[in-house]
């Protein structure tokens, strides 16, 4: 379990940080993500 937690911690944190910066730097890509989400979850439904 320690290995699970350790393996997921830094790897996922890095990927989440990259997603945050990449979407901010690529507004056209983020717009397409939002369009897909509005189509699938028009009222912000839970995942």
ModelCIF file with pLDDT and N, C-alpha, C, O atoms, coordinates in Angstrom:
data_MODEL
#
_entry.id   MODEL 
#
_entity.id                         1 
_entity.type                       polymer 
_entity.pdbx_number_of_molecules   1 
#
_entity_poly.entity_id                      1 
_entity_poly.type                           'polypeptide(L)' 
_entity_poly.nstd_linkage                   no 
_entity_poly.nstd_monomer                   no 
_entity_poly.pdbx_seq_one_letter_code       
;(UNK)(UNK)(UNK)(UNK)(UNK)(UNK)(UNK)(UNK)(UNK)(UNK)(UNK)(UNK)(UNK)(UNK)(UNK)(UNK)
(UNK)(UNK)(UNK)(UNK)(UNK)(UNK)(UNK)(UNK)(UNK)(UNK)(UNK)(UNK)(UNK)(UNK)(UNK)(UNK)
(UNK)(UNK)(UNK)(UNK)(UNK)(UNK)(UNK)(UNK)(UNK)(UNK)(UNK)(UNK)(UNK)(UNK)(UNK)
;
_entity_poly.pdbx_seq_one_letter_code_can   XXXXXXXXXXXXXXXXXXXXXXXXXXXXXXXXXXXXXXXXXXXXXXX 
_entity_poly.pdbx_strand_id                 A 
#
loop_
_entity_poly_seq.entity_id 
_entity_poly_seq.num 
_entity_poly_seq.mon_id 
_entity_poly_seq.hetero 
1 1  UNK n 
1 2  UNK n 
1 3  UNK n 
1 4  UNK n 
1 5  UNK n 
1 6  UNK n 
1 7  UNK n 
1 8  UNK n 
1 9  UNK n 
1 10 UNK n 
1 11 UNK n 
1 12 UNK n 
1 13 UNK n 
1 14 UNK n 
1 15 UNK n 
1 16 UNK n 
1 17 UNK n 
1 18 UNK n 
1 19 UNK n 
1 20 UNK n 
1 21 UNK n 
1 22 UNK n 
1 23 UNK n 
1 24 UNK n 
1 25 UNK n 
1 26 UNK n 
1 27 UNK n 
1 28 UNK n 
1 29 UNK n 
1 30 UNK n 
1 31 UNK n 
1 32 UNK n 
1 33 UNK n 
1 34 UNK n 
1 35 UNK n 
1 36 UNK n 
1 37 UNK n 
1 38 UNK n 
1 39 UNK n 
1 40 UNK n 
1 41 UNK n 
1 42 UNK n 
1 43 UNK n 
1 44 UNK n 
1 45 UNK n 
1 46 UNK n 
1 47 UNK n 
#
_struct_asym.id          A 
_struct_asym.entity_id   1 
#
loop_
_ma_qa_metric.id 
_ma_qa_metric.mode 
_ma_qa_metric.name 
_ma_qa_metric.software_group_id 
_ma_qa_metric.type 
1 global pLDDT . pLDDT 
2 local  pLDDT . pLDDT 
#
_ma_qa_metric_global.metric_id      1 
_ma_qa_metric_global.metric_value   92.74 
_ma_qa_metric_global.model_id       1 
_ma_qa_metric_global.ordinal_id     1 
#
loop_
_ma_qa_metric_local.label_asym_id 
_ma_qa_metric_local.label_comp_id 
_ma_qa_metric_local.label_seq_id 
_ma_qa_metric_local.metric_id 
_ma_qa_metric_local.metric_value 
_ma_qa_metric_local.model_id 
_ma_qa_metric_local.ordinal_id 
A UNK 1  2 91.00 1 1  
A UNK 2  2 89.00 1 2  
A UNK 3  2 87.00 1 3  
A UNK 4  2 86.00 1 4  
A UNK 5  2 85.00 1 5  
A UNK 6  2 80.00 1 6  
A UNK 7  2 78.00 1 7  
A UNK 8  2 79.00 1 8  
A UNK 9  2 80.00 1 9  
A UNK 10 2 81.00 1 10 
A UNK 11 2 86.00 1 11 
A UNK 12 2 91.00 1 12 
A UNK 13 2 93.00 1 13 
A UNK 14 2 94.00 1 14 
A UNK 15 2 96.00 1 15 
A UNK 16 2 97.00 1 16 
A UNK 17 2 97.00 1 17 
A UNK 18 2 97.00 1 18 
A UNK 19 2 97.00 1 19 
A UNK 20 2 98.00 1 20 
A UNK 21 2 97.00 1 21 
A UNK 22 2 98.00 1 22 
A UNK 23 2 98.00 1 23 
A UNK 24 2 97.00 1 24 
A UNK 25 2 97.00 1 25 
A UNK 26 2 97.00 1 26 
A UNK 27 2 97.00 1 27 
A UNK 28 2 98.00 1 28 
A UNK 29 2 98.00 1 29 
A UNK 30 2 98.00 1 30 
A UNK 31 2 98.00 1 31 
A UNK 32 2 98.00 1 32 
A UNK 33 2 98.00 1 33 
A UNK 34 2 97.00 1 34 
A UNK 35 2 97.00 1 35 
A UNK 36 2 98.00 1 36 
A UNK 37 2 97.00 1 37 
A UNK 38 2 95.00 1 38 
A UNK 39 2 96.00 1 39 
A UNK 40 2 96.00 1 40 
A UNK 41 2 94.00 1 41 
A UNK 42 2 92.00 1 42 
A UNK 43 2 88.00 1 43 
A UNK 44 2 86.00 1 44 
A UNK 45 2 88.00 1 45 
A UNK 46 2 90.00 1 46 
A UNK 47 2 94.00 1 47 
#
loop_
_atom_site.group_PDB 
_atom_site.id 
_atom_site.type_symbol 
_atom_site.label_atom_id 
_atom_site.label_alt_id 
_atom_site.label_comp_id 
_atom_site.label_asym_id 
_atom_site.label_entity_id 
_atom_site.label_seq_id 
_atom_site.pdbx_PDB_ins_code 
_atom_site.Cartn_x 
_atom_site.Cartn_y 
_atom_site.Cartn_z 
_atom_site.occupancy 
_atom_site.B_iso_or_equiv 
_atom_site.pdbx_formal_charge 
_atom_site.auth_seq_id 
_atom_site.auth_comp_id 
_atom_site.auth_asym_id 
_atom_site.auth_atom_id 
_atom_site.pdbx_PDB_model_num 
ATOM 1   N N  . UNK A 1 1  ? 0.829   -1.204 0.000   1.00 91.00 ? 1  UNK A N  1 
ATOM 2   C CA . UNK A 1 1  ? 0.000   0.000  0.000   1.00 91.00 ? 1  UNK A CA 1 
ATOM 3   C C  . UNK A 1 1  ? 0.871   1.264  0.000   1.00 91.00 ? 1  UNK A C  1 
ATOM 4   O O  . UNK A 1 1  ? 0.527   2.264  -0.632  1.00 91.00 ? 1  UNK A O  1 
ATOM 5   N N  . UNK A 1 2  ? 1.997   1.207  0.714   1.00 89.00 ? 2  UNK A N  1 
ATOM 6   C CA . UNK A 1 2  ? 2.920   2.332  0.690   1.00 89.00 ? 2  UNK A CA 1 
ATOM 7   C C  . UNK A 1 2  ? 3.417   2.581  -0.735  1.00 89.00 ? 2  UNK A C  1 
ATOM 8   O O  . UNK A 1 2  ? 3.531   3.724  -1.176  1.00 89.00 ? 2  UNK A O  1 
ATOM 9   N N  . UNK A 1 3  ? 3.710   1.488  -1.444  1.00 87.00 ? 3  UNK A N  1 
ATOM 10  C CA . UNK A 1 3  ? 4.171   1.624  -2.825  1.00 87.00 ? 3  UNK A CA 1 
ATOM 11  C C  . UNK A 1 3  ? 3.072   2.219  -3.696  1.00 87.00 ? 3  UNK A C  1 
ATOM 12  O O  . UNK A 1 3  ? 3.345   3.083  -4.529  1.00 87.00 ? 3  UNK A O  1 
ATOM 13  N N  . UNK A 1 4  ? 1.824   1.766  -3.512  1.00 86.00 ? 4  UNK A N  1 
ATOM 14  C CA . UNK A 1 4  ? 0.706   2.330  -4.274  1.00 86.00 ? 4  UNK A CA 1 
ATOM 15  C C  . UNK A 1 4  ? 0.613   3.837  -4.057  1.00 86.00 ? 4  UNK A C  1 
ATOM 16  O O  . UNK A 1 4  ? 0.517   4.611  -5.010  1.00 86.00 ? 4  UNK A O  1 
ATOM 17  N N  . UNK A 1 5  ? 0.645   4.240  -2.785  1.00 85.00 ? 5  UNK A N  1 
ATOM 18  C CA . UNK A 1 5  ? 0.508   5.656  -2.461  1.00 85.00 ? 5  UNK A CA 1 
ATOM 19  C C  . UNK A 1 5  ? 1.677   6.459  -3.014  1.00 85.00 ? 5  UNK A C  1 
ATOM 20  O O  . UNK A 1 5  ? 1.493   7.541  -3.570  1.00 85.00 ? 5  UNK A O  1 
ATOM 21  N N  . UNK A 1 6  ? 2.885   5.914  -2.854  1.00 80.00 ? 6  UNK A N  1 
ATOM 22  C CA . UNK A 1 6  ? 4.062   6.656  -3.300  1.00 80.00 ? 6  UNK A CA 1 
ATOM 23  C C  . UNK A 1 6  ? 4.094   6.767  -4.816  1.00 80.00 ? 6  UNK A C  1 
ATOM 24  O O  . UNK A 1 6  ? 4.411   7.822  -5.366  1.00 80.00 ? 6  UNK A O  1 
ATOM 25  N N  . UNK A 1 7  ? 3.759   5.653  -5.496  1.00 78.00 ? 7  UNK A N  1 
ATOM 26  C CA . UNK A 1 7  ? 3.785   5.669  -6.963  1.00 78.00 ? 7  UNK A CA 1 
ATOM 27  C C  . UNK A 1 7  ? 2.751   6.632  -7.521  1.00 78.00 ? 7  UNK A C  1 
ATOM 28  O O  . UNK A 1 7  ? 3.004   7.294  -8.527  1.00 78.00 ? 7  UNK A O  1 
ATOM 29  N N  . UNK A 1 8  ? 1.598   6.720  -6.888  1.00 79.00 ? 8  UNK A N  1 
ATOM 30  C CA . UNK A 1 8  ? 0.528   7.578  -7.411  1.00 79.00 ? 8  UNK A CA 1 
ATOM 31  C C  . UNK A 1 8  ? 0.747   9.036  -7.061  1.00 79.00 ? 8  UNK A C  1 
ATOM 32  O O  . UNK A 1 8  ? 0.291   9.924  -7.782  1.00 79.00 ? 8  UNK A O  1 
ATOM 33  N N  . UNK A 1 9  ? 1.449   9.293  -5.949  1.00 80.00 ? 9  UNK A N  1 
ATOM 34  C CA . UNK A 1 9  ? 1.502   10.651 -5.453  1.00 80.00 ? 9  UNK A CA 1 
ATOM 35  C C  . UNK A 1 9  ? 2.236   11.607 -6.398  1.00 80.00 ? 9  UNK A C  1 
ATOM 36  O O  . UNK A 1 9  ? 1.634   12.541 -6.926  1.00 80.00 ? 9  UNK A O  1 
ATOM 37  N N  . UNK A 1 10 ? 3.514   11.376 -6.607  1.00 81.00 ? 10 UNK A N  1 
ATOM 38  C CA . UNK A 1 10 ? 4.277   12.324 -7.414  1.00 81.00 ? 10 UNK A CA 1 
ATOM 39  C C  . UNK A 1 10 ? 3.923   12.230 -8.890  1.00 81.00 ? 10 UNK A C  1 
ATOM 40  O O  . UNK A 1 10 ? 3.890   13.241 -9.591  1.00 81.00 ? 10 UNK A O  1 
ATOM 41  N N  . UNK A 1 11 ? 3.657   11.011 -9.365  1.00 86.00 ? 11 UNK A N  1 
ATOM 42  C CA . UNK A 1 11 ? 3.321   10.856 -10.783 1.00 86.00 ? 11 UNK A CA 1 
ATOM 43  C C  . UNK A 1 11 ? 2.039   11.600 -11.122 1.00 86.00 ? 11 UNK A C  1 
ATOM 44  O O  . UNK A 1 11 ? 1.992   12.356 -12.093 1.00 86.00 ? 11 UNK A O  1 
ATOM 45  N N  . UNK A 1 12 ? 1.000   11.386 -10.324 1.00 91.00 ? 12 UNK A N  1 
ATOM 46  C CA . UNK A 1 12 ? -0.284  12.033 -10.611 1.00 91.00 ? 12 UNK A CA 1 
ATOM 47  C C  . UNK A 1 12 ? -0.225  13.536 -10.374 1.00 91.00 ? 12 UNK A C  1 
ATOM 48  O O  . UNK A 1 12 ? -0.824  14.307 -11.124 1.00 91.00 ? 12 UNK A O  1 
ATOM 49  N N  . UNK A 1 13 ? 0.492   13.956 -9.338  1.00 93.00 ? 13 UNK A N  1 
ATOM 50  C CA . UNK A 1 13 ? 0.622   15.395 -9.077  1.00 93.00 ? 13 UNK A CA 1 
ATOM 51  C C  . UNK A 1 13 ? 1.279   16.093 -10.259 1.00 93.00 ? 13 UNK A C  1 
ATOM 52  O O  . UNK A 1 13 ? 0.847   17.170 -10.670 1.00 93.00 ? 13 UNK A O  1 
ATOM 53  N N  . UNK A 1 14 ? 2.330   15.473 -10.807 1.00 94.00 ? 14 UNK A N  1 
ATOM 54  C CA . UNK A 1 14 ? 3.002   16.060 -11.964 1.00 94.00 ? 14 UNK A CA 1 
ATOM 55  C C  . UNK A 1 14 ? 2.066   16.152 -13.157 1.00 94.00 ? 14 UNK A C  1 
ATOM 56  O O  . UNK A 1 14 ? 2.013   17.182 -13.828 1.00 94.00 ? 14 UNK A O  1 
ATOM 57  N N  . UNK A 1 15 ? 1.320   15.071 -13.429 1.00 96.00 ? 15 UNK A N  1 
ATOM 58  C CA . UNK A 1 15 ? 0.416   15.067 -14.586 1.00 96.00 ? 15 UNK A CA 1 
ATOM 59  C C  . UNK A 1 15 ? -0.715  16.084 -14.413 1.00 96.00 ? 15 UNK A C  1 
ATOM 60  O O  . UNK A 1 15 ? -1.090  16.758 -15.372 1.00 96.00 ? 15 UNK A O  1 
ATOM 61  N N  . UNK A 1 16 ? -1.255  16.197 -13.207 1.00 97.00 ? 16 UNK A N  1 
ATOM 62  C CA . UNK A 1 16 ? -2.315  17.182 -12.958 1.00 97.00 ? 16 UNK A CA 1 
ATOM 63  C C  . UNK A 1 16 ? -1.795  18.605 -13.140 1.00 97.00 ? 16 UNK A C  1 
ATOM 64  O O  . UNK A 1 16 ? -2.503  19.468 -13.659 1.00 97.00 ? 16 UNK A O  1 
ATOM 65  N N  . UNK A 1 17 ? -0.566  18.844 -12.715 1.00 97.00 ? 17 UNK A N  1 
ATOM 66  C CA . UNK A 1 17 ? 0.030   20.175 -12.877 1.00 97.00 ? 17 UNK A CA 1 
ATOM 67  C C  . UNK A 1 17 ? 0.258   20.481 -14.352 1.00 97.00 ? 17 UNK A C  1 
ATOM 68  O O  . UNK A 1 17 ? 0.011   21.597 -14.810 1.00 97.00 ? 17 UNK A O  1 
ATOM 69  N N  . UNK A 1 18 ? 0.733   19.478 -15.092 1.00 97.00 ? 18 UNK A N  1 
ATOM 70  C CA . UNK A 1 18 ? 0.910   19.684 -16.535 1.00 97.00 ? 18 UNK A CA 1 
ATOM 71  C C  . UNK A 1 18 ? -0.425  19.984 -17.217 1.00 97.00 ? 18 UNK A C  1 
ATOM 72  O O  . UNK A 1 18 ? -0.501  20.877 -18.061 1.00 97.00 ? 18 UNK A O  1 
ATOM 73  N N  . UNK A 1 19 ? -1.476  19.244 -16.858 1.00 97.00 ? 19 UNK A N  1 
ATOM 74  C CA . UNK A 1 19 ? -2.791  19.498 -17.459 1.00 97.00 ? 19 UNK A CA 1 
ATOM 75  C C  . UNK A 1 19 ? -3.239  20.931 -17.201 1.00 97.00 ? 19 UNK A C  1 
ATOM 76  O O  . UNK A 1 19 ? -3.747  21.604 -18.097 1.00 97.00 ? 19 UNK A O  1 
ATOM 77  N N  . UNK A 1 20 ? -3.048  21.386 -15.974 1.00 98.00 ? 20 UNK A N  1 
ATOM 78  C CA . UNK A 1 20 ? -3.471  22.733 -15.603 1.00 98.00 ? 20 UNK A CA 1 
ATOM 79  C C  . UNK A 1 20 ? -2.757  23.782 -16.451 1.00 98.00 ? 20 UNK A C  1 
ATOM 80  O O  . UNK A 1 20 ? -3.388  24.711 -16.957 1.00 98.00 ? 20 UNK A O  1 
ATOM 81  N N  . UNK A 1 21 ? -1.442  23.633 -16.605 1.00 97.00 ? 21 UNK A N  1 
ATOM 82  C CA . UNK A 1 21 ? -0.682  24.623 -17.373 1.00 97.00 ? 21 UNK A CA 1 
ATOM 83  C C  . UNK A 1 21 ? -0.936  24.496 -18.867 1.00 97.00 ? 21 UNK A C  1 
ATOM 84  O O  . UNK A 1 21 ? -1.044  25.507 -19.562 1.00 97.00 ? 21 UNK A O  1 
ATOM 85  N N  . UNK A 1 22 ? -1.035  23.260 -19.374 1.00 98.00 ? 22 UNK A N  1 
ATOM 86  C CA . UNK A 1 22 ? -1.250  23.069 -20.811 1.00 98.00 ? 22 UNK A CA 1 
ATOM 87  C C  . UNK A 1 22 ? -2.603  23.610 -21.261 1.00 98.00 ? 22 UNK A C  1 
ATOM 88  O O  . UNK A 1 22 ? -2.703  24.216 -22.328 1.00 98.00 ? 22 UNK A O  1 
ATOM 89  N N  . UNK A 1 23 ? -3.635  23.398 -20.466 1.00 98.00 ? 23 UNK A N  1 
ATOM 90  C CA . UNK A 1 23 ? -4.959  23.914 -20.833 1.00 98.00 ? 23 UNK A CA 1 
ATOM 91  C C  . UNK A 1 23 ? -4.971  25.442 -20.806 1.00 98.00 ? 23 UNK A C  1 
ATOM 92  O O  . UNK A 1 23 ? -5.585  26.075 -21.665 1.00 98.00 ? 23 UNK A O  1 
ATOM 93  N N  . UNK A 1 24 ? -4.291  26.036 -19.816 1.00 97.00 ? 24 UNK A N  1 
ATOM 94  C CA . UNK A 1 24 ? -4.230  27.501 -19.757 1.00 97.00 ? 24 UNK A CA 1 
ATOM 95  C C  . UNK A 1 24 ? -3.475  28.061 -20.961 1.00 97.00 ? 24 UNK A C  1 
ATOM 96  O O  . UNK A 1 24 ? -3.803  29.138 -21.460 1.00 97.00 ? 24 UNK A O  1 
ATOM 97  N N  . UNK A 1 25 ? -2.466  27.329 -21.423 1.00 97.00 ? 25 UNK A N  1 
ATOM 98  C CA . UNK A 1 25 ? -1.654  27.795 -22.559 1.00 97.00 ? 25 UNK A CA 1 
ATOM 99  C C  . UNK A 1 25 ? -2.283  27.475 -23.912 1.00 97.00 ? 25 UNK A C  1 
ATOM 100 O O  . UNK A 1 25 ? -1.840  27.985 -24.941 1.00 97.00 ? 25 UNK A O  1 
ATOM 101 N N  . UNK A 1 26 ? -3.306  26.639 -23.909 1.00 97.00 ? 26 UNK A N  1 
ATOM 102 C CA . UNK A 1 26 ? -3.955  26.230 -25.163 1.00 97.00 ? 26 UNK A CA 1 
ATOM 103 C C  . UNK A 1 26 ? -5.472  26.423 -25.061 1.00 97.00 ? 26 UNK A C  1 
ATOM 104 O O  . UNK A 1 26 ? -6.210  25.444 -24.956 1.00 97.00 ? 26 UNK A O  1 
ATOM 105 N N  . UNK A 1 27 ? -5.940  27.667 -25.089 1.00 97.00 ? 27 UNK A N  1 
ATOM 106 C CA . UNK A 1 27 ? -7.373  27.944 -24.877 1.00 97.00 ? 27 UNK A CA 1 
ATOM 107 C C  . UNK A 1 27 ? -8.277  27.282 -25.908 1.00 97.00 ? 27 UNK A C  1 
ATOM 108 O O  . UNK A 1 27 ? -9.412  26.942 -25.572 1.00 97.00 ? 27 UNK A O  1 
ATOM 109 N N  . UNK A 1 28 ? -7.835  27.082 -27.146 1.00 98.00 ? 28 UNK A N  1 
ATOM 110 C CA . UNK A 1 28 ? -8.679  26.423 -28.151 1.00 98.00 ? 28 UNK A CA 1 
ATOM 111 C C  . UNK A 1 28 ? -8.935  24.963 -27.781 1.00 98.00 ? 28 UNK A C  1 
ATOM 112 O O  . UNK A 1 28 ? -10.025 24.441 -28.010 1.00 98.00 ? 28 UNK A O  1 
ATOM 113 N N  . UNK A 1 29 ? -7.936  24.316 -27.213 1.00 98.00 ? 29 UNK A N  1 
ATOM 114 C CA . UNK A 1 29 ? -8.113  22.922 -26.772 1.00 98.00 ? 29 UNK A CA 1 
ATOM 115 C C  . UNK A 1 29 ? -9.051  22.882 -25.576 1.00 98.00 ? 29 UNK A C  1 
ATOM 116 O O  . UNK A 1 29 ? -9.929  22.023 -25.501 1.00 98.00 ? 29 UNK A O  1 
ATOM 117 N N  . UNK A 1 30 ? -8.870  23.808 -24.640 1.00 98.00 ? 30 UNK A N  1 
ATOM 118 C CA . UNK A 1 30 ? -9.746  23.858 -23.467 1.00 98.00 ? 30 UNK A CA 1 
ATOM 119 C C  . UNK A 1 30 ? -11.185 24.134 -23.888 1.00 98.00 ? 30 UNK A C  1 
ATOM 120 O O  . UNK A 1 30 ? -12.116 23.576 -23.307 1.00 98.00 ? 30 UNK A O  1 
ATOM 121 N N  . UNK A 1 31 ? -11.376 24.987 -24.889 1.00 98.00 ? 31 UNK A N  1 
ATOM 122 C CA . UNK A 1 31 ? -12.730 25.263 -25.375 1.00 98.00 ? 31 UNK A CA 1 
ATOM 123 C C  . UNK A 1 31 ? -13.400 23.978 -25.864 1.00 98.00 ? 31 UNK A C  1 
ATOM 124 O O  . UNK A 1 31 ? -14.584 23.764 -25.601 1.00 98.00 ? 31 UNK A O  1 
ATOM 125 N N  . UNK A 1 32 ? -12.667 23.128 -26.566 1.00 98.00 ? 32 UNK A N  1 
ATOM 126 C CA . UNK A 1 32 ? -13.234 21.877 -27.073 1.00 98.00 ? 32 UNK A CA 1 
ATOM 127 C C  . UNK A 1 32 ? -13.561 20.914 -25.933 1.00 98.00 ? 32 UNK A C  1 
ATOM 128 O O  . UNK A 1 32 ? -14.538 20.168 -26.008 1.00 98.00 ? 32 UNK A O  1 
ATOM 129 N N  . UNK A 1 33 ? -12.741 20.931 -24.876 1.00 98.00 ? 33 UNK A N  1 
ATOM 130 C CA . UNK A 1 33 ? -13.055 20.110 -23.694 1.00 98.00 ? 33 UNK A CA 1 
ATOM 131 C C  . UNK A 1 33 ? -14.369 20.582 -23.093 1.00 98.00 ? 33 UNK A C  1 
ATOM 132 O O  . UNK A 1 33 ? -15.229 19.771 -22.749 1.00 98.00 ? 33 UNK A O  1 
ATOM 133 N N  . UNK A 1 34 ? -14.524 21.898 -22.967 1.00 97.00 ? 34 UNK A N  1 
ATOM 134 C CA . UNK A 1 34 ? -15.751 22.437 -22.370 1.00 97.00 ? 34 UNK A CA 1 
ATOM 135 C C  . UNK A 1 34 ? -16.972 22.120 -23.224 1.00 97.00 ? 34 UNK A C  1 
ATOM 136 O O  . UNK A 1 34 ? -18.045 21.829 -22.695 1.00 97.00 ? 34 UNK A O  1 
ATOM 137 N N  . UNK A 1 35 ? -16.812 22.175 -24.533 1.00 97.00 ? 35 UNK A N  1 
ATOM 138 C CA . UNK A 1 35 ? -17.937 21.836 -25.413 1.00 97.00 ? 35 UNK A CA 1 
ATOM 139 C C  . UNK A 1 35 ? -18.360 20.382 -25.219 1.00 97.00 ? 35 UNK A C  1 
ATOM 140 O O  . UNK A 1 35 ? -19.553 20.084 -25.167 1.00 97.00 ? 35 UNK A O  1 
ATOM 141 N N  . UNK A 1 36 ? -17.400 19.490 -25.114 1.00 98.00 ? 36 UNK A N  1 
ATOM 142 C CA . UNK A 1 36 ? -17.734 18.080 -24.896 1.00 98.00 ? 36 UNK A CA 1 
ATOM 143 C C  . UNK A 1 36 ? -18.415 17.885 -23.544 1.00 98.00 ? 36 UNK A C  1 
ATOM 144 O O  . UNK A 1 36 ? -19.372 17.119 -23.428 1.00 98.00 ? 36 UNK A O  1 
ATOM 145 N N  . UNK A 1 37 ? -17.917 18.583 -22.525 1.00 97.00 ? 37 UNK A N  1 
ATOM 146 C CA . UNK A 1 37 ? -18.516 18.447 -21.198 1.00 97.00 ? 37 UNK A CA 1 
ATOM 147 C C  . UNK A 1 37 ? -19.939 19.001 -21.161 1.00 97.00 ? 37 UNK A C  1 
ATOM 148 O O  . UNK A 1 37 ? -20.810 18.424 -20.511 1.00 97.00 ? 37 UNK A O  1 
ATOM 149 N N  . UNK A 1 38 ? -20.178 20.109 -21.849 1.00 95.00 ? 38 UNK A N  1 
ATOM 150 C CA . UNK A 1 38 ? -21.537 20.665 -21.883 1.00 95.00 ? 38 UNK A CA 1 
ATOM 151 C C  . UNK A 1 38 ? -22.499 19.714 -22.595 1.00 95.00 ? 38 UNK A C  1 
ATOM 152 O O  . UNK A 1 38 ? -23.673 19.630 -22.234 1.00 95.00 ? 38 UNK A O  1 
ATOM 153 N N  . UNK A 1 39 ? -22.009 19.007 -23.592 1.00 96.00 ? 39 UNK A N  1 
ATOM 154 C CA . UNK A 1 39 ? -22.843 18.051 -24.307 1.00 96.00 ? 39 UNK A CA 1 
ATOM 155 C C  . UNK A 1 39 ? -23.181 16.846 -23.420 1.00 96.00 ? 39 UNK A C  1 
ATOM 156 O O  . UNK A 1 39 ? -24.315 16.367 -23.415 1.00 96.00 ? 39 UNK A O  1 
ATOM 157 N N  . UNK A 1 40 ? -22.179 16.365 -22.670 1.00 96.00 ? 40 UNK A N  1 
ATOM 158 C CA . UNK A 1 40 ? -22.383 15.171 -21.837 1.00 96.00 ? 40 UNK A CA 1 
ATOM 159 C C  . UNK A 1 40 ? -22.999 15.508 -20.481 1.00 96.00 ? 40 UNK A C  1 
ATOM 160 O O  . UNK A 1 40 ? -23.749 14.710 -19.918 1.00 96.00 ? 40 UNK A O  1 
ATOM 161 N N  . UNK A 1 41 ? -22.677 16.702 -19.957 1.00 94.00 ? 41 UNK A N  1 
ATOM 162 C CA . UNK A 1 41 ? -23.167 17.091 -18.623 1.00 94.00 ? 41 UNK A CA 1 
ATOM 163 C C  . UNK A 1 41 ? -23.703 18.515 -18.700 1.00 94.00 ? 41 UNK A C  1 
ATOM 164 O O  . UNK A 1 41 ? -23.084 19.430 -18.156 1.00 94.00 ? 41 UNK A O  1 
ATOM 165 N N  . UNK A 1 42 ? -24.846 18.727 -19.367 1.00 92.00 ? 42 UNK A N  1 
ATOM 166 C CA . UNK A 1 42 ? -25.351 20.094 -19.599 1.00 92.00 ? 42 UNK A CA 1 
ATOM 167 C C  . UNK A 1 42 ? -25.640 20.866 -18.322 1.00 92.00 ? 42 UNK A C  1 
ATOM 168 O O  . UNK A 1 42 ? -25.624 22.097 -18.330 1.00 92.00 ? 42 UNK A O  1 
ATOM 169 N N  . UNK A 1 43 ? -25.902 20.169 -17.229 1.00 88.00 ? 43 UNK A N  1 
ATOM 170 C CA . UNK A 1 43 ? -26.215 20.842 -15.973 1.00 88.00 ? 43 UNK A CA 1 
ATOM 171 C C  . UNK A 1 43 ? -25.132 20.584 -14.919 1.00 88.00 ? 43 UNK A C  1 
ATOM 172 O O  . UNK A 1 43 ? -25.383 20.682 -13.718 1.00 88.00 ? 43 UNK A O  1 
ATOM 173 N N  . UNK A 1 44 ? -23.942 20.259 -15.385 1.00 86.00 ? 44 UNK A N  1 
ATOM 174 C CA . UNK A 1 44 ? -22.840 20.006 -14.449 1.00 86.00 ? 44 UNK A CA 1 
ATOM 175 C C  . UNK A 1 44 ? -23.043 18.781 -13.603 1.00 86.00 ? 44 UNK A C  1 
ATOM 176 O O  . UNK A 1 44 ? -22.626 18.748 -12.445 1.00 86.00 ? 44 UNK A O  1 
ATOM 177 N N  . UNK A 1 45 ? -23.683 17.761 -14.166 1.00 88.00 ? 45 UNK A N  1 
ATOM 178 C CA . UNK A 1 45 ? -23.986 16.552 -13.415 1.00 88.00 ? 45 UNK A CA 1 
ATOM 179 C C  . UNK A 1 45 ? -22.724 15.925 -12.813 1.00 88.00 ? 45 UNK A C  1 
ATOM 180 O O  . UNK A 1 45 ? -21.636 16.058 -13.373 1.00 88.00 ? 45 UNK A O  1 
ATOM 181 N N  . UNK A 1 46 ? -22.870 15.237 -11.666 1.00 90.00 ? 46 UNK A N  1 
ATOM 182 C CA . UNK A 1 46 ? -21.723 14.521 -11.076 1.00 90.00 ? 46 UNK A CA 1 
ATOM 183 C C  . UNK A 1 46 ? -21.175 13.497 -12.060 1.00 90.00 ? 46 UNK A C  1 
ATOM 184 O O  . UNK A 1 46 ? -21.898 12.992 -12.919 1.00 90.00 ? 46 UNK A O  1 
ATOM 185 N N  . UNK A 1 47 ? -19.914 13.205 -11.924 1.00 94.00 ? 47 UNK A N  1 
ATOM 186 C CA . UNK A 1 47 ? -19.287 12.239 -12.820 1.00 94.00 ? 47 UNK A CA 1 
ATOM 187 C C  . UNK A 1 47 ? -19.715 10.815 -12.473 1.00 94.00 ? 47 UNK A C  1 
ATOM 188 O O  . UNK A 1 47 ? -19.284 9.864  -13.125 1.00 94.00 ? 47 UNK A O  1 
#
